[in-house]
C-alpha cells in the first residue's frame, strides 16, 4: 500500500524592517566606506515571525558629498534608513599623540621621527594619522630644542634635548712606530 502526501512550503516574505541599534560610528569621512559595526535590524515576516538581522543586509549610501547622508539598510524586499554625518578630511588642528622614540640628540644630528604619531583632528570627532608632515629644527645649540611639525598650515611642537657628544671609547687606528712605557 502506497501513501502519498503533498506538502506545500510557503517561503516567508519580509514585510517590515526596523532598527534595533545604530552603528557605533555615525560620522564618516567623505569618499570613505561605512563601518556597520553595531548596526542591527529586525525583520517582521508575513506570518508574524520577527527575527534579528545582523550581517545579511545590504547598505546603500553615497559619501561623495559632505553633510547629512541617508543610509538605507535593505533586507530582501524591505528596508530601513538612518542618517549619518559625512565630513571632509580637512583638519581643524594637529596633535602629537605619541612622541618619537628618540628625544635626545647630539649637536648637529638629524631629527628622527620614528615612533612619532601625529594626528589631524577633524569635524565630528574624526581624526586620522599624518605621515606626510614636515619638520623644522636647529640642533646646532645644546639644551632643550623645539621641533616644529607642520601639516596643511597647522603646526605642533615637540621638545627634545640636544647634548654635546660624549666619547664612549677610544680606538687606535694606527700603531705608533715607537711605544715608550714609564
C-alpha atoms as a PDB file:
ATOM      1  CA  UNK A   1       0.000   0.000   0.000  1.00  0.00           C
ATOM      2  CA  UNK A   2       1.458   3.423  -1.031  1.00  0.00           C
ATOM      3  CA  UNK A   3       0.580   6.632   0.748  1.00  0.00           C
ATOM      4  CA  UNK A   4       1.209   9.900  -0.987  1.00  0.00           C
ATOM      5  CA  UNK A   5       1.444  13.132   0.962  1.00  0.00           C
ATOM      6  CA  UNK A   6       1.704  16.539  -0.640  1.00  0.00           C
ATOM      7  CA  UNK A   7       3.372  19.311   1.333  1.00  0.00           C
ATOM      8  CA  UNK A   8       3.457  22.927   0.244  1.00  0.00           C
ATOM      9  CA  UNK A   9       6.098  25.129   1.818  1.00  0.00           C
ATOM     10  CA  UNK A  10       5.478  28.820   1.500  1.00  0.00           C
ATOM     11  CA  UNK A  11       8.532  30.962   1.842  1.00  0.00           C
ATOM     12  CA  UNK A  12       8.127  33.679   4.429  1.00  0.00           C
ATOM     13  CA  UNK A  13       8.030  37.134   2.951  1.00  0.00           C
ATOM     14  CA  UNK A  14       9.533  40.039   4.884  1.00  0.00           C
ATOM     15  CA  UNK A  15       7.007  42.845   5.363  1.00  0.00           C
ATOM     16  CA  UNK A  16       8.831  45.293   7.655  1.00  0.00           C
ATOM     17  CA  UNK A  17      12.389  46.160   8.721  1.00  0.00           C
ATOM     18  CA  UNK A  18      13.206  48.076  11.914  1.00  0.00           C
ATOM     19  CA  UNK A  19      16.381  49.381  13.509  1.00  0.00           C
ATOM     20  CA  UNK A  20      17.390  47.628  16.715  1.00  0.00           C
ATOM     21  CA  UNK A  21      20.644  49.549  17.073  1.00  0.00           C
ATOM     22  CA  UNK A  22      22.539  52.094  15.004  1.00  0.00           C
ATOM     23  CA  UNK A  23      26.180  51.659  14.001  1.00  0.00           C
ATOM     24  CA  UNK A  24      28.715  52.573  16.696  1.00  0.00           C
ATOM     25  CA  UNK A  25      30.005  55.414  14.498  1.00  0.00           C
ATOM     26  CA  UNK A  26      27.625  57.870  12.906  1.00  0.00           C
ATOM     27  CA  UNK A  27      30.247  60.122  11.293  1.00  0.00           C
ATOM     28  CA  UNK A  28      32.452  59.190   8.339  1.00  0.00           C
ATOM     29  CA  UNK A  29      34.977  60.849   6.068  1.00  0.00           C
ATOM     30  CA  UNK A  30      33.937  61.937   2.601  1.00  0.00           C
ATOM     31  CA  UNK A  31      34.507  59.177  -0.003  1.00  0.00           C
ATOM     32  CA  UNK A  32      35.084  56.543   2.692  1.00  0.00           C
ATOM     33  CA  UNK A  33      33.366  53.225   3.393  1.00  0.00           C
ATOM     34  CA  UNK A  34      30.781  52.848   6.123  1.00  0.00           C
ATOM     35  CA  UNK A  35      31.647  50.790   9.194  1.00  0.00           C
ATOM     36  CA  UNK A  36      28.433  48.935  10.088  1.00  0.00           C
ATOM     37  CA  UNK A  37      29.755  47.612  13.419  1.00  0.00           C
ATOM     38  CA  UNK A  38      26.902  47.761  15.920  1.00  0.00           C
ATOM     39  CA  UNK A  39      24.126  48.005  13.312  1.00  0.00           C
ATOM     40  CA  UNK A  40      21.310  45.565  13.995  1.00  0.00           C
ATOM     41  CA  UNK A  41      17.937  45.199  12.310  1.00  0.00           C
ATOM     42  CA  UNK A  42      14.874  43.122  12.969  1.00  0.00           C
ATOM     43  CA  UNK A  43      12.576  41.919  10.242  1.00  0.00           C
ATOM     44  CA  UNK A  44       8.891  41.064  10.549  1.00  0.00           C
ATOM     45  CA  UNK A  45       7.620  38.400   8.151  1.00  0.00           C
ATOM     46  CA  UNK A  46       4.135  37.895   6.696  1.00  0.00           C
ATOM     47  CA  UNK A  47       3.482  35.005   9.086  1.00  0.00           C
ATOM     48  CA  UNK A  48       4.205  37.213  12.134  1.00  0.00           C
ATOM     49  CA  UNK A  49       7.712  35.909  12.833  1.00  0.00           C
ATOM     50  CA  UNK A  50      10.212  38.544  13.919  1.00  0.00           C
ATOM     51  CA  UNK A  51      13.932  37.812  13.521  1.00  0.00           C
ATOM     52  CA  UNK A  52      17.136  39.732  14.108  1.00  0.00           C
ATOM     53  CA  UNK A  53      19.256  40.514  11.065  1.00  0.00           C
ATOM     54  CA  UNK A  54      22.930  41.218  11.675  1.00  0.00           C
ATOM     55  CA  UNK A  55      25.078  40.946   8.540  1.00  0.00           C
ATOM     56  CA  UNK A  56      22.770  39.740   5.791  1.00  0.00           C
ATOM     57  CA  UNK A  57      21.560  43.188   4.806  1.00  0.00           C
ATOM     58  CA  UNK A  58      22.855  45.431   2.022  1.00  0.00           C
ATOM     59  CA  UNK A  59      23.783  49.042   2.745  1.00  0.00           C
ATOM     60  CA  UNK A  60      23.180  51.727   0.143  1.00  0.00           C
ATOM     61  CA  UNK A  61      24.775  55.156   0.587  1.00  0.00           C
ATOM     62  CA  UNK A  62      26.772  57.856  -1.182  1.00  0.00           C
ATOM     63  CA  UNK A  63      29.555  59.553   0.797  1.00  0.00           C
ATOM     64  CA  UNK A  64      30.750  61.712  -2.118  1.00  0.00           C
ATOM     65  CA  UNK A  65      29.256  64.880  -0.598  1.00  0.00           C
ATOM     66  CA  UNK A  66      29.783  66.444   2.841  1.00  0.00           C
ATOM     67  CA  UNK A  67      26.735  66.793   5.114  1.00  0.00           C
ATOM     68  CA  UNK A  68      23.867  64.644   6.383  1.00  0.00           C
ATOM     69  CA  UNK A  69      23.542  61.449   4.348  1.00  0.00           C
ATOM     70  CA  UNK A  70      20.784  58.855   4.400  1.00  0.00           C
ATOM     71  CA  UNK A  71      21.965  55.235   4.615  1.00  0.00           C
ATOM     72  CA  UNK A  72      19.496  52.564   3.539  1.00  0.00           C
ATOM     73  CA  UNK A  73      19.761  49.068   5.034  1.00  0.00           C
ATOM     74  CA  UNK A  74      17.973  46.586   2.738  1.00  0.00           C
ATOM     75  CA  UNK A  75      16.943  43.049   3.556  1.00  0.00           C
ATOM     76  CA  UNK A  76      15.288  41.287   0.626  1.00  0.00           C
ATOM     77  CA  UNK A  77      12.188  43.384  -0.185  1.00  0.00           C
ATOM     78  CA  UNK A  78      12.185  45.666   2.890  1.00  0.00           C
ATOM     79  CA  UNK A  79      14.456  48.439   4.050  1.00  0.00           C
ATOM     80  CA  UNK A  80      15.001  50.954   6.825  1.00  0.00           C
ATOM     81  CA  UNK A  81      17.060  54.154   6.712  1.00  0.00           C
ATOM     82  CA  UNK A  82      19.138  56.160   9.159  1.00  0.00           C
ATOM     83  CA  UNK A  83      21.169  59.331   8.939  1.00  0.00           C
ATOM     84  CA  UNK A  84      24.940  59.787   9.313  1.00  0.00           C
ATOM     85  CA  UNK A  85      27.292  62.764   9.040  1.00  0.00           C
ATOM     86  CA  UNK A  86      29.863  62.893   6.254  1.00  0.00           C
ATOM     87  CA  UNK A  87      32.788  65.268   6.845  1.00  0.00           C
ATOM     88  CA  UNK A  88      35.820  66.312   4.834  1.00  0.00           C
ATOM     89  CA  UNK A  89      39.358  65.311   5.803  1.00  0.00           C
ATOM     90  CA  UNK A  90      40.214  68.975   6.332  1.00  0.00           C
ATOM     91  CA  UNK A  91      41.922  69.250   9.723  1.00  0.00           C
ATOM     92  CA  UNK A  92      40.895  71.739  12.399  1.00  0.00           C
ATOM     93  CA  UNK A  93      44.171  71.169  14.238  1.00  0.00           C
ATOM     94  CA  UNK A  94      47.019  68.708  14.544  1.00  0.00           C
ATOM     95  CA  UNK A  95      48.129  66.965  17.696  1.00  0.00           C
ATOM     96  CA  UNK A  96      51.140  64.915  18.801  1.00  0.00           C
ATOM     97  CA  UNK A  97      49.547  61.720  20.070  1.00  0.00           C
ATOM     98  CA  UNK A  98      52.861  59.934  20.714  1.00  0.00           C
ATOM     99  CA  UNK A  99      56.359  61.407  20.908  1.00  0.00           C
ATOM    100  CA  UNK A 100      59.104  59.920  18.741  1.00  0.00           C
ATOM    101  CA  UNK A 101      61.232  57.105  20.118  1.00  0.00           C
ATOM    102  CA  UNK A 102      64.322  59.325  20.140  1.00  0.00           C
ATOM    103  CA  UNK A 103      64.176  62.523  22.226  1.00  0.00           C
ATOM    104  CA  UNK A 104      67.887  63.061  22.971  1.00  0.00           C
ATOM    105  CA  UNK A 105      70.230  64.176  20.189  1.00  0.00           C
ATOM    106  CA  UNK A 106      73.854  65.175  19.748  1.00  0.00           C
ATOM    107  CA  UNK A 107      74.819  68.525  18.251  1.00  0.00           C
ATOM    108  CA  UNK A 108      74.020  68.779  14.513  1.00  0.00           C
ATOM    109  CA  UNK A 109      72.328  65.366  14.417  1.00  0.00           C
ATOM    110  CA  UNK A 110      69.242  64.944  12.182  1.00  0.00           C
ATOM    111  CA  UNK A 111      65.737  64.632  13.654  1.00  0.00           C
ATOM    112  CA  UNK A 112      64.384  61.058  13.680  1.00  0.00           C
ATOM    113  CA  UNK A 113      60.569  60.847  13.564  1.00  0.00           C
ATOM    114  CA  UNK A 114      60.371  57.058  14.096  1.00  0.00           C
ATOM    115  CA  UNK A 115      57.656  56.308  16.639  1.00  0.00           C
ATOM    116  CA  UNK A 116      56.065  59.754  16.295  1.00  0.00           C
ATOM    117  CA  UNK A 117      52.287  59.696  15.927  1.00  0.00           C
ATOM    118  CA  UNK A 118      50.906  62.966  14.574  1.00  0.00           C
ATOM    119  CA  UNK A 119      47.124  63.181  14.209  1.00  0.00           C
ATOM    120  CA  UNK A 120      44.808  65.527  12.301  1.00  0.00           C
ATOM    121  CA  UNK A 121      41.619  66.366  14.223  1.00  0.00           C
ATOM    122  CA  UNK A 122      38.566  66.982  12.026  1.00  0.00           C
ATOM    123  CA  UNK A 123      34.853  67.721  12.450  1.00  0.00           C
ATOM    124  CA  UNK A 124      32.520  65.369  14.365  1.00  0.00           C
ATOM    125  CA  UNK A 125      35.411  63.914  16.389  1.00  0.00           C
ATOM    126  CA  UNK A 126      37.009  62.177  13.419  1.00  0.00           C
ATOM    127  CA  UNK A 127      40.796  62.024  13.115  1.00  0.00           C
ATOM    128  CA  UNK A 128      43.494  60.424  11.024  1.00  0.00           C
ATOM    129  CA  UNK A 129      47.217  59.798  11.351  1.00  0.00           C
ATOM    130  CA  UNK A 130      49.502  62.149   9.427  1.00  0.00           C
ATOM    131  CA  UNK A 131      52.568  60.680   7.753  1.00  0.00           C
ATOM    132  CA  UNK A 132      53.456  63.421   5.257  1.00  0.00           C
ATOM    133  CA  UNK A 133      54.315  66.277   7.655  1.00  0.00           C
ATOM    134  CA  UNK A 134      57.373  68.496   7.537  1.00  0.00           C
ATOM    135  CA  UNK A 135      59.725  69.283  10.411  1.00  0.00           C
ATOM    136  CA  UNK A 136      61.918  72.282  11.205  1.00  0.00           C
ATOM    137  CA  UNK A 137      64.613  72.274  13.895  1.00  0.00           C
ATOM    138  CA  UNK A 138      68.038  73.613  14.813  1.00  0.00           C
ATOM    139  CA  UNK A 139      70.244  71.159  16.652  1.00  0.00           C
ATOM    140  CA  UNK A 140      73.366  73.352  16.453  1.00  0.00           C
ATOM    141  CA  UNK A 141      72.885  74.574  20.042  1.00  0.00           C
ATOM    142  CA  UNK A 142      72.815  72.462  23.210  1.00  0.00           C
ATOM    143  CA  UNK A 143      69.822  72.323  25.541  1.00  0.00           C
ATOM    144  CA  UNK A 144      66.080  71.869  25.142  1.00  0.00           C
ATOM    145  CA  UNK A 145      65.230  72.490  21.490  1.00  0.00           C
ATOM    146  CA  UNK A 146      61.870  72.675  19.722  1.00  0.00           C
ATOM    147  CA  UNK A 147      60.954  70.668  16.650  1.00  0.00           C
ATOM    148  CA  UNK A 148      58.196  72.359  14.638  1.00  0.00           C
ATOM    149  CA  UNK A 149      55.920  69.851  12.876  1.00  0.00           C
ATOM    150  CA  UNK A 150      53.671  71.276  10.128  1.00  0.00           C
ATOM    151  CA  UNK A 151      50.851  69.882   8.020  1.00  0.00           C
ATOM    152  CA  UNK A 152      48.372  71.785   5.805  1.00  0.00           C
ATOM    153  CA  UNK A 153      49.020  75.089   7.587  1.00  0.00           C
ATOM    154  CA  UNK A 154      48.756  73.656  11.101  1.00  0.00           C
ATOM    155  CA  UNK A 155      51.630  73.094  13.488  1.00  0.00           C
ATOM    156  CA  UNK A 156      52.577  71.224  16.625  1.00  0.00           C
ATOM    157  CA  UNK A 157      55.770  71.412  18.662  1.00  0.00           C
ATOM    158  CA  UNK A 158      57.756  68.758  20.486  1.00  0.00           C
ATOM    159  CA  UNK A 159      60.757  69.476  22.695  1.00  0.00           C
ATOM    160  CA  UNK A 160      63.919  67.363  22.561  1.00  0.00           C
ATOM    161  CA  UNK A 161      67.275  67.575  24.325  1.00  0.00           C
ATOM    162  CA  UNK A 162      70.447  68.346  22.340  1.00  0.00           C
ATOM    163  CA  UNK A 163      73.756  67.435  24.027  1.00  0.00           C
ATOM    164  CA  UNK A 164      77.446  67.563  23.281  1.00  0.00           C
ATOM    165  CA  UNK A 165      78.648  64.195  22.016  1.00  0.00           C
ATOM    166  CA  UNK A 166      80.430  62.256  24.767  1.00  0.00           C
ATOM    167  CA  UNK A 167      83.147  59.771  23.799  1.00  0.00           C
ATOM    168  CA  UNK A 168      82.360  56.273  24.995  1.00  0.00           C
ATOM    169  CA  UNK A 169      85.542  54.594  23.712  1.00  0.00           C
ATOM    170  CA  UNK A 170      88.938  55.400  22.248  1.00  0.00           C
ATOM    171  CA  UNK A 171      90.084  53.393  19.265  1.00  0.00           C
ATOM    172  CA  UNK A 172      93.678  53.335  18.000  1.00  0.00           C
ATOM    173  CA  UNK A 173      93.520  53.467  14.211  1.00  0.00           C
ATOM    174  CA  UNK A 174      97.283  53.049  13.525  1.00  0.00           C
ATOM    175  CA  UNK A 175     100.006  51.698  15.738  1.00  0.00           C
ATOM    176  CA  UNK A 176     102.770  54.117  16.725  1.00  0.00           C
ATOM    177  CA  UNK A 177     106.328  53.493  15.438  1.00  0.00           C
ATOM    178  CA  UNK A 178     107.664  53.616  18.977  1.00  0.00           C
ATOM    179  CA  UNK A 179     105.987  52.838  22.268  1.00  0.00           C
ATOM    180  CA  UNK A 180     107.501  54.177  25.488  1.00  0.00           C
ATOM    181  CA  UNK A 181     106.140  52.837  28.739  1.00  0.00           C
ATOM    182  CA  UNK A 182     107.027  54.547  32.052  1.00  0.00           C
END
